Amino acid sequence: MPIRPFSPRTRLTAMALALGAALSGCVSFGSKPPPQLLTVRTEAAVAAGRDLRSQGLPAIAVILPEVPRAIATTRVPVQVDATSVAYVKDAQWTEAPRDLFLRLLGETITAGGALFVIDEDQYGLTPQRRLSGSLVEFGVDARTRQAVVTYDAVLTDSASGQALRRRFTAREPVSDIRADRVAQPISRAANQVAQQVADWVKG
C-alpha cells in the first residue's frame, strides 16, 4: 500500500508540536503563585462600631502616593548596594505597596480622632487640606539588614494657599531576608511612618 505524503497542514502541525516541546523545558508561560501573600497590619485601627462623623472635624483628603519603578510592583525590593535592586524570592504583596500604605495612612489618621479622612474619589465633601506625596522606599536594605519605609509628604492648605513638605522614615531589623521574615518588620516600619505623619497633619 503506497504511503501518502504528509500534507502541508500536517507538517506545520507537527513542527508546532515539536517547537512547543522544545520550548517547554526553558520557557514558562505562567507564573507560579507564591505559597503565601504578604500584607501590612494596621496597629492604630479604628474600633468596630464607632461612628465617624465629619461634623466638627476638619476634613483631609489622603491621596494615593507616587512610587518609583522599583516598588511599582507587588514584589518586595531589596537594596543590594547604592545602584542595585533585587527582589525577595517567592515574596509577593497582596496588592501594590502604594495601595497598602494609602490604606494604612488613612486608617492611622482616622484612629487619631482629630481629622475626618476622605479619599480623593469621594465627592460631596471639599476638604481644606490635602495630603499627597511619594512613597520612596518600602522594602529591605541588605547592607544594614533592615526594613525601610520612607514617605515624602506634602500637606497643602487651600485656605492659606500654603504647602508643607517633610520626609518621614523608619527602620526595623530583619532577621533574615526571606519571604517569611520580611513582612512583619516592613509592617512595623510602615506603621511608625504612618503614625509620624498622622501626628504631623493634626498639628
C-alpha atoms as a PDB file:
ATOM      1  CA  MET A   1       0.000   0.000   0.000  1.00  0.00           C
ATOM      2  CA  PRO A   2       1.562   3.325  -1.018  1.00  0.00           C
ATOM      3  CA  ILE A   3       2.427   5.738   1.773  1.00  0.00           C
ATOM      4  CA  ARG A   4       0.682   9.073   1.462  1.00  0.00           C
ATOM      5  CA  PRO A   5       2.976  12.080   1.998  1.00  0.00           C
ATOM      6  CA  PHE A   6       2.219  14.481   4.806  1.00  0.00           C
ATOM      7  CA  SER A   7       0.055  17.407   3.757  1.00  0.00           C
ATOM      8  CA  PRO A   8       1.463  20.914   4.316  1.00  0.00           C
ATOM      9  CA  ARG A   9      -1.048  21.403   7.113  1.00  0.00           C
ATOM     10  CA  THR A  10       0.047  18.200   8.853  1.00  0.00           C
ATOM     11  CA  ARG A  11       3.709  19.155   8.553  1.00  0.00           C
ATOM     12  CA  LEU A  12       3.020  22.576  10.084  1.00  0.00           C
ATOM     13  CA  THR A  13       1.160  20.981  13.000  1.00  0.00           C
ATOM     14  CA  ALA A  14       3.993  18.560  13.642  1.00  0.00           C
ATOM     15  CA  MET A  15       6.541  21.382  13.546  1.00  0.00           C
ATOM     16  CA  ALA A  16       4.494  23.441  16.008  1.00  0.00           C
ATOM     17  CA  LEU A  17       4.233  20.498  18.414  1.00  0.00           C
ATOM     18  CA  ALA A  18       7.965  19.865  18.200  1.00  0.00           C
ATOM     19  CA  LEU A  19       8.752  23.531  18.798  1.00  0.00           C
ATOM     20  CA  GLY A  20       6.402  23.636  21.778  1.00  0.00           C
ATOM     21  CA  ALA A  21       8.059  20.571  23.273  1.00  0.00           C
ATOM     22  CA  ALA A  22      11.500  22.128  22.820  1.00  0.00           C
ATOM     23  CA  LEU A  23      10.439  25.379  24.498  1.00  0.00           C
ATOM     24  CA  SER A  24       8.633  23.752  27.393  1.00  0.00           C
ATOM     25  CA  GLY A  25      11.919  22.944  29.086  1.00  0.00           C
ATOM     26  CA  CYS A  26      13.188  26.509  29.177  1.00  0.00           C
ATOM     27  CA  VAL A  27      10.204  28.851  28.989  1.00  0.00           C
ATOM     28  CA  SER A  28       7.364  29.286  31.458  1.00  0.00           C
ATOM     29  CA  PHE A  29       4.072  30.569  30.060  1.00  0.00           C
ATOM     30  CA  GLY A  30       2.653  31.347  33.508  1.00  0.00           C
ATOM     31  CA  SER A  31       3.997  32.467  36.863  1.00  0.00           C
ATOM     32  CA  LYS A  32       3.723  30.058  39.746  1.00  0.00           C
ATOM     33  CA  PRO A  33       1.947  31.766  42.670  1.00  0.00           C
ATOM     34  CA  PRO A  34       3.902  32.040  45.945  1.00  0.00           C
ATOM     35  CA  PRO A  35       2.816  29.777  48.822  1.00  0.00           C
ATOM     36  CA  GLN A  36       1.502  32.827  50.727  1.00  0.00           C
ATOM     37  CA  LEU A  37       0.854  36.513  50.091  1.00  0.00           C
ATOM     38  CA  LEU A  38       2.148  39.279  52.348  1.00  0.00           C
ATOM     39  CA  THR A  39       0.393  42.330  53.750  1.00  0.00           C
ATOM     40  CA  VAL A  40       0.800  45.027  56.411  1.00  0.00           C
ATOM     41  CA  ARG A  41      -1.218  45.167  59.626  1.00  0.00           C
ATOM     42  CA  THR A  42      -2.628  48.436  60.970  1.00  0.00           C
ATOM     43  CA  GLU A  43      -1.563  48.987  64.579  1.00  0.00           C
ATOM     44  CA  ALA A  44      -3.836  52.030  65.085  1.00  0.00           C
ATOM     45  CA  ALA A  45      -7.066  50.509  63.823  1.00  0.00           C
ATOM     46  CA  VAL A  46     -10.448  52.226  64.141  1.00  0.00           C
ATOM     47  CA  ALA A  47     -12.647  50.439  66.695  1.00  0.00           C
ATOM     48  CA  ALA A  48     -15.535  48.440  65.255  1.00  0.00           C
ATOM     49  CA  GLY A  49     -18.946  50.048  65.742  1.00  0.00           C
ATOM     50  CA  ARG A  50     -17.551  53.539  66.177  1.00  0.00           C
ATOM     51  CA  ASP A  51     -19.379  56.293  64.275  1.00  0.00           C
ATOM     52  CA  LEU A  52     -17.125  58.603  62.310  1.00  0.00           C
ATOM     53  CA  ARG A  53     -18.773  61.976  61.701  1.00  0.00           C
ATOM     54  CA  SER A  54     -17.433  64.800  59.576  1.00  0.00           C
ATOM     55  CA  GLN A  55     -19.331  67.414  61.594  1.00  0.00           C
ATOM     56  CA  GLY A  56     -16.986  69.344  63.840  1.00  0.00           C
ATOM     57  CA  LEU A  57     -13.831  67.777  62.393  1.00  0.00           C
ATOM     58  CA  PRO A  58     -11.517  69.290  59.766  1.00  0.00           C
ATOM     59  CA  ALA A  59     -11.547  67.155  56.628  1.00  0.00           C
ATOM     60  CA  ILE A  60      -8.402  65.997  54.902  1.00  0.00           C
ATOM     61  CA  ALA A  61      -8.022  64.195  51.594  1.00  0.00           C
ATOM     62  CA  VAL A  62      -5.359  61.493  51.523  1.00  0.00           C
ATOM     63  CA  ILE A  63      -4.048  60.952  48.007  1.00  0.00           C
ATOM     64  CA  LEU A  64      -2.528  57.776  46.567  1.00  0.00           C
ATOM     65  CA  PRO A  65       1.255  58.279  46.764  1.00  0.00           C
ATOM     66  CA  GLU A  66       3.600  58.290  43.815  1.00  0.00           C
ATOM     67  CA  VAL A  67       6.178  55.495  43.746  1.00  0.00           C
ATOM     68  CA  PRO A  68       9.462  54.813  41.936  1.00  0.00           C
ATOM     69  CA  ARG A  69       9.623  51.949  39.472  1.00  0.00           C
ATOM     70  CA  ALA A  70      11.360  49.655  41.999  1.00  0.00           C
ATOM     71  CA  ILE A  71       8.218  49.435  44.139  1.00  0.00           C
ATOM     72  CA  ALA A  72       5.610  49.844  41.416  1.00  0.00           C
ATOM     73  CA  THR A  73       5.064  46.099  41.758  1.00  0.00           C
ATOM     74  CA  THR A  74       3.770  43.556  44.254  1.00  0.00           C
ATOM     75  CA  ARG A  75       7.279  42.145  44.720  1.00  0.00           C
ATOM     76  CA  VAL A  76       9.439  43.041  47.739  1.00  0.00           C
ATOM     77  CA  PRO A  77      12.552  45.050  46.749  1.00  0.00           C
ATOM     78  CA  VAL A  78      15.985  44.603  48.322  1.00  0.00           C
ATOM     79  CA  GLN A  79      18.544  47.395  48.013  1.00  0.00           C
ATOM     80  CA  VAL A  80      21.725  45.405  47.390  1.00  0.00           C
ATOM     81  CA  ASP A  81      24.047  48.401  47.046  1.00  0.00           C
ATOM     82  CA  ALA A  82      23.830  52.039  46.030  1.00  0.00           C
ATOM     83  CA  THR A  83      22.851  51.216  42.442  1.00  0.00           C
ATOM     84  CA  SER A  84      21.420  47.670  42.504  1.00  0.00           C
ATOM     85  CA  VAL A  85      17.981  46.394  43.461  1.00  0.00           C
ATOM     86  CA  ALA A  86      16.892  42.757  43.693  1.00  0.00           C
ATOM     87  CA  TYR A  87      13.675  41.146  44.944  1.00  0.00           C
ATOM     88  CA  VAL A  88      12.975  38.707  47.766  1.00  0.00           C
ATOM     89  CA  LYS A  89      12.464  35.229  46.317  1.00  0.00           C
ATOM     90  CA  ASP A  90       8.867  33.939  46.472  1.00  0.00           C
ATOM     91  CA  ALA A  91       7.670  37.088  48.306  1.00  0.00           C
ATOM     92  CA  GLN A  92       4.653  38.972  46.983  1.00  0.00           C
ATOM     93  CA  TRP A  93       2.298  41.557  48.492  1.00  0.00           C
ATOM     94  CA  THR A  94      -1.459  41.139  48.327  1.00  0.00           C
ATOM     95  CA  GLU A  95      -1.558  44.442  46.435  1.00  0.00           C
ATOM     96  CA  ALA A  96       0.819  47.191  45.366  1.00  0.00           C
ATOM     97  CA  PRO A  97       2.737  48.921  48.212  1.00  0.00           C
ATOM     98  CA  ARG A  98       1.223  52.317  47.353  1.00  0.00           C
ATOM     99  CA  ASP A  99      -2.277  50.899  47.984  1.00  0.00           C
ATOM    100  CA  LEU A 100      -1.207  49.152  51.193  1.00  0.00           C
ATOM    101  CA  PHE A 101       0.376  52.347  52.523  1.00  0.00           C
ATOM    102  CA  LEU A 102      -2.561  54.562  51.497  1.00  0.00           C
ATOM    103  CA  ARG A 103      -4.973  52.370  53.463  1.00  0.00           C
ATOM    104  CA  LEU A 104      -2.620  52.239  56.451  1.00  0.00           C
ATOM    105  CA  LEU A 105      -2.139  56.012  56.408  1.00  0.00           C
ATOM    106  CA  GLY A 106      -5.850  56.756  56.197  1.00  0.00           C
ATOM    107  CA  GLU A 107      -6.667  54.314  58.991  1.00  0.00           C
ATOM    108  CA  THR A 108      -3.962  55.711  61.274  1.00  0.00           C
ATOM    109  CA  ILE A 109      -5.028  59.338  60.770  1.00  0.00           C
ATOM    110  CA  THR A 110      -8.680  58.403  61.307  1.00  0.00           C
ATOM    111  CA  ALA A 111      -7.888  56.494  64.510  1.00  0.00           C
ATOM    112  CA  GLY A 112      -6.380  59.688  65.976  1.00  0.00           C
ATOM    113  CA  GLY A 113      -9.854  61.247  66.026  1.00  0.00           C
ATOM    114  CA  ALA A 114      -8.706  64.751  65.115  1.00  0.00           C
ATOM    115  CA  LEU A 115      -9.392  64.683  61.365  1.00  0.00           C
ATOM    116  CA  PHE A 116     -12.044  63.285  59.050  1.00  0.00           C
ATOM    117  CA  VAL A 117     -10.278  61.419  56.254  1.00  0.00           C
ATOM    118  CA  ILE A 118     -11.773  61.201  52.786  1.00  0.00           C
ATOM    119  CA  ASP A 119     -10.489  59.517  49.658  1.00  0.00           C
ATOM    120  CA  GLU A 120      -9.793  61.514  46.543  1.00  0.00           C
ATOM    121  CA  ASP A 121     -12.704  59.776  44.760  1.00  0.00           C
ATOM    122  CA  GLN A 122     -15.284  60.704  47.423  1.00  0.00           C
ATOM    123  CA  TYR A 123     -17.428  63.548  46.177  1.00  0.00           C
ATOM    124  CA  GLY A 124     -19.681  65.894  48.121  1.00  0.00           C
ATOM    125  CA  LEU A 125     -17.008  66.942  50.614  1.00  0.00           C
ATOM    126  CA  THR A 126     -14.480  69.678  49.933  1.00  0.00           C
ATOM    127  CA  PRO A 127     -11.516  69.250  52.275  1.00  0.00           C
ATOM    128  CA  GLN A 128      -9.454  72.272  53.115  1.00  0.00           C
ATOM    129  CA  ARG A 129      -6.310  70.192  53.496  1.00  0.00           C
ATOM    130  CA  ARG A 130      -4.792  67.651  51.143  1.00  0.00           C
ATOM    131  CA  LEU A 131      -2.071  65.101  51.918  1.00  0.00           C
ATOM    132  CA  SER A 132      -0.098  63.795  48.976  1.00  0.00           C
ATOM    133  CA  GLY A 133       3.467  62.637  48.455  1.00  0.00           C
ATOM    134  CA  SER A 134       5.821  59.895  47.317  1.00  0.00           C
ATOM    135  CA  LEU A 135       6.420  56.500  48.851  1.00  0.00           C
ATOM    136  CA  VAL A 136      10.172  56.424  48.243  1.00  0.00           C
ATOM    137  CA  GLU A 137      11.096  53.163  49.999  1.00  0.00           C
ATOM    138  CA  PHE A 138       9.056  50.135  51.009  1.00  0.00           C
ATOM    139  CA  GLY A 139      11.369  47.151  51.280  1.00  0.00           C
ATOM    140  CA  VAL A 140      14.643  45.837  52.681  1.00  0.00           C
ATOM    141  CA  ASP A 141      18.165  47.264  52.793  1.00  0.00           C
ATOM    142  CA  ALA A 142      20.552  44.309  52.520  1.00  0.00           C
ATOM    143  CA  ARG A 143      23.523  46.445  53.578  1.00  0.00           C
ATOM    144  CA  THR A 144      22.078  47.083  57.044  1.00  0.00           C
ATOM    145  CA  ARG A 145      19.663  44.116  57.167  1.00  0.00           C
ATOM    146  CA  GLN A 146      16.787  46.446  57.926  1.00  0.00           C
ATOM    147  CA  ALA A 147      13.288  47.012  56.633  1.00  0.00           C
ATOM    148  CA  VAL A 148      12.985  50.596  55.387  1.00  0.00           C
ATOM    149  CA  VAL A 149       9.878  52.695  54.721  1.00  0.00           C
ATOM    150  CA  THR A 150      10.272  56.307  53.569  1.00  0.00           C
ATOM    151  CA  TYR A 151       7.478  58.710  52.666  1.00  0.00           C
ATOM    152  CA  ASP A 152       7.905  62.238  51.323  1.00  0.00           C
ATOM    153  CA  ALA A 153       4.729  64.026  52.451  1.00  0.00           C
ATOM    154  CA  VAL A 154       3.246  67.225  51.063  1.00  0.00           C
ATOM    155  CA  LEU A 155       0.462  68.925  53.035  1.00  0.00           C
ATOM    156  CA  THR A 156      -1.422  71.689  51.229  1.00  0.00           C
ATOM    157  CA  ASP A 157      -3.998  74.090  52.663  1.00  0.00           C
ATOM    158  CA  SER A 158      -6.447  75.658  50.217  1.00  0.00           C
ATOM    159  CA  ALA A 159      -7.456  78.433  52.635  1.00  0.00           C
ATOM    160  CA  SER A 160      -3.953  79.762  53.171  1.00  0.00           C
ATOM    161  CA  GLY A 161      -2.538  78.669  49.829  1.00  0.00           C
ATOM    162  CA  GLN A 162       0.495  77.265  51.628  1.00  0.00           C
ATOM    163  CA  ALA A 163       2.195  73.898  51.434  1.00  0.00           C
ATOM    164  CA  LEU A 164       4.485  71.983  53.778  1.00  0.00           C
ATOM    165  CA  ARG A 165       6.843  69.189  52.850  1.00  0.00           C
ATOM    166  CA  ARG A 166       8.538  66.709  55.188  1.00  0.00           C
ATOM    167  CA  ARG A 167      10.275  63.354  54.836  1.00  0.00           C
ATOM    168  CA  PHE A 168       9.359  60.550  57.236  1.00  0.00           C
ATOM    169  CA  THR A 169      11.328  57.329  57.516  1.00  0.00           C
ATOM    170  CA  ALA A 170      11.561  54.313  59.811  1.00  0.00           C
ATOM    171  CA  ARG A 171      13.799  51.252  60.003  1.00  0.00           C
ATOM    172  CA  GLU A 172      13.299  47.861  61.637  1.00  0.00           C
ATOM    173  CA  PRO A 173      15.791  44.968  61.900  1.00  0.00           C
ATOM    174  CA  VAL A 174      15.281  41.953  59.627  1.00  0.00           C
ATOM    175  CA  SER A 175      16.417  38.585  60.962  1.00  0.00           C
ATOM    176  CA  ASP A 176      16.716  37.024  57.513  1.00  0.00           C
ATOM    177  CA  ILE A 177      15.936  38.253  54.001  1.00  0.00           C
ATOM    178  CA  ARG A 178      13.387  35.556  53.200  1.00  0.00           C
ATOM    179  CA  ALA A 179       9.740  35.606  52.187  1.00  0.00           C
ATOM    180  CA  ASP A 180       8.598  34.511  55.658  1.00  0.00           C
ATOM    181  CA  ARG A 181      10.761  37.058  57.512  1.00  0.00           C
ATOM    182  CA  VAL A 182      10.336  40.410  55.764  1.00  0.00           C
ATOM    183  CA  ALA A 183       6.635  41.297  56.037  1.00  0.00           C
ATOM    184  CA  GLN A 184       6.473  41.935  59.800  1.00  0.00           C
ATOM    185  CA  PRO A 185       9.456  44.338  60.003  1.00  0.00           C
ATOM    186  CA  ILE A 186       8.234  46.232  56.931  1.00  0.00           C
ATOM    187  CA  SER A 187       4.777  46.432  58.507  1.00  0.00           C
ATOM    188  CA  ARG A 188       6.220  47.800  61.758  1.00  0.00           C
ATOM    189  CA  ALA A 189       8.259  50.413  59.890  1.00  0.00           C
ATOM    190  CA  ALA A 190       5.237  51.415  57.811  1.00  0.00           C
ATOM    191  CA  ASN A 191       3.139  51.856  60.966  1.00  0.00           C
ATOM    192  CA  GLN A 192       5.818  54.064  62.513  1.00  0.00           C
ATOM    193  CA  VAL A 193       5.851  56.289  59.432  1.00  0.00           C
ATOM    194  CA  ALA A 194       2.051  56.424  59.296  1.00  0.00           C
ATOM    195  CA  GLN A 195       1.899  57.481  62.961  1.00  0.00           C
ATOM    196  CA  GLN A 196       4.550  60.159  62.420  1.00  0.00           C
ATOM    197  CA  VAL A 197       2.546  61.555  59.509  1.00  0.00           C
ATOM    198  CA  ALA A 198      -0.712  61.400  61.495  1.00  0.00           C
ATOM    199  CA  ASP A 199       0.832  63.416  64.334  1.00  0.00           C
ATOM    200  CA  TRP A 200       2.205  65.917  61.832  1.00  0.00           C
ATOM    201  CA  VAL A 201      -1.008  66.593  59.899  1.00  0.00           C
ATOM    202  CA  LYS A 202      -3.146  67.163  63.003  1.00  0.00           C
ATOM    203  CA  GLY A 203      -0.681  69.684  64.452  1.00  0.00           C
END
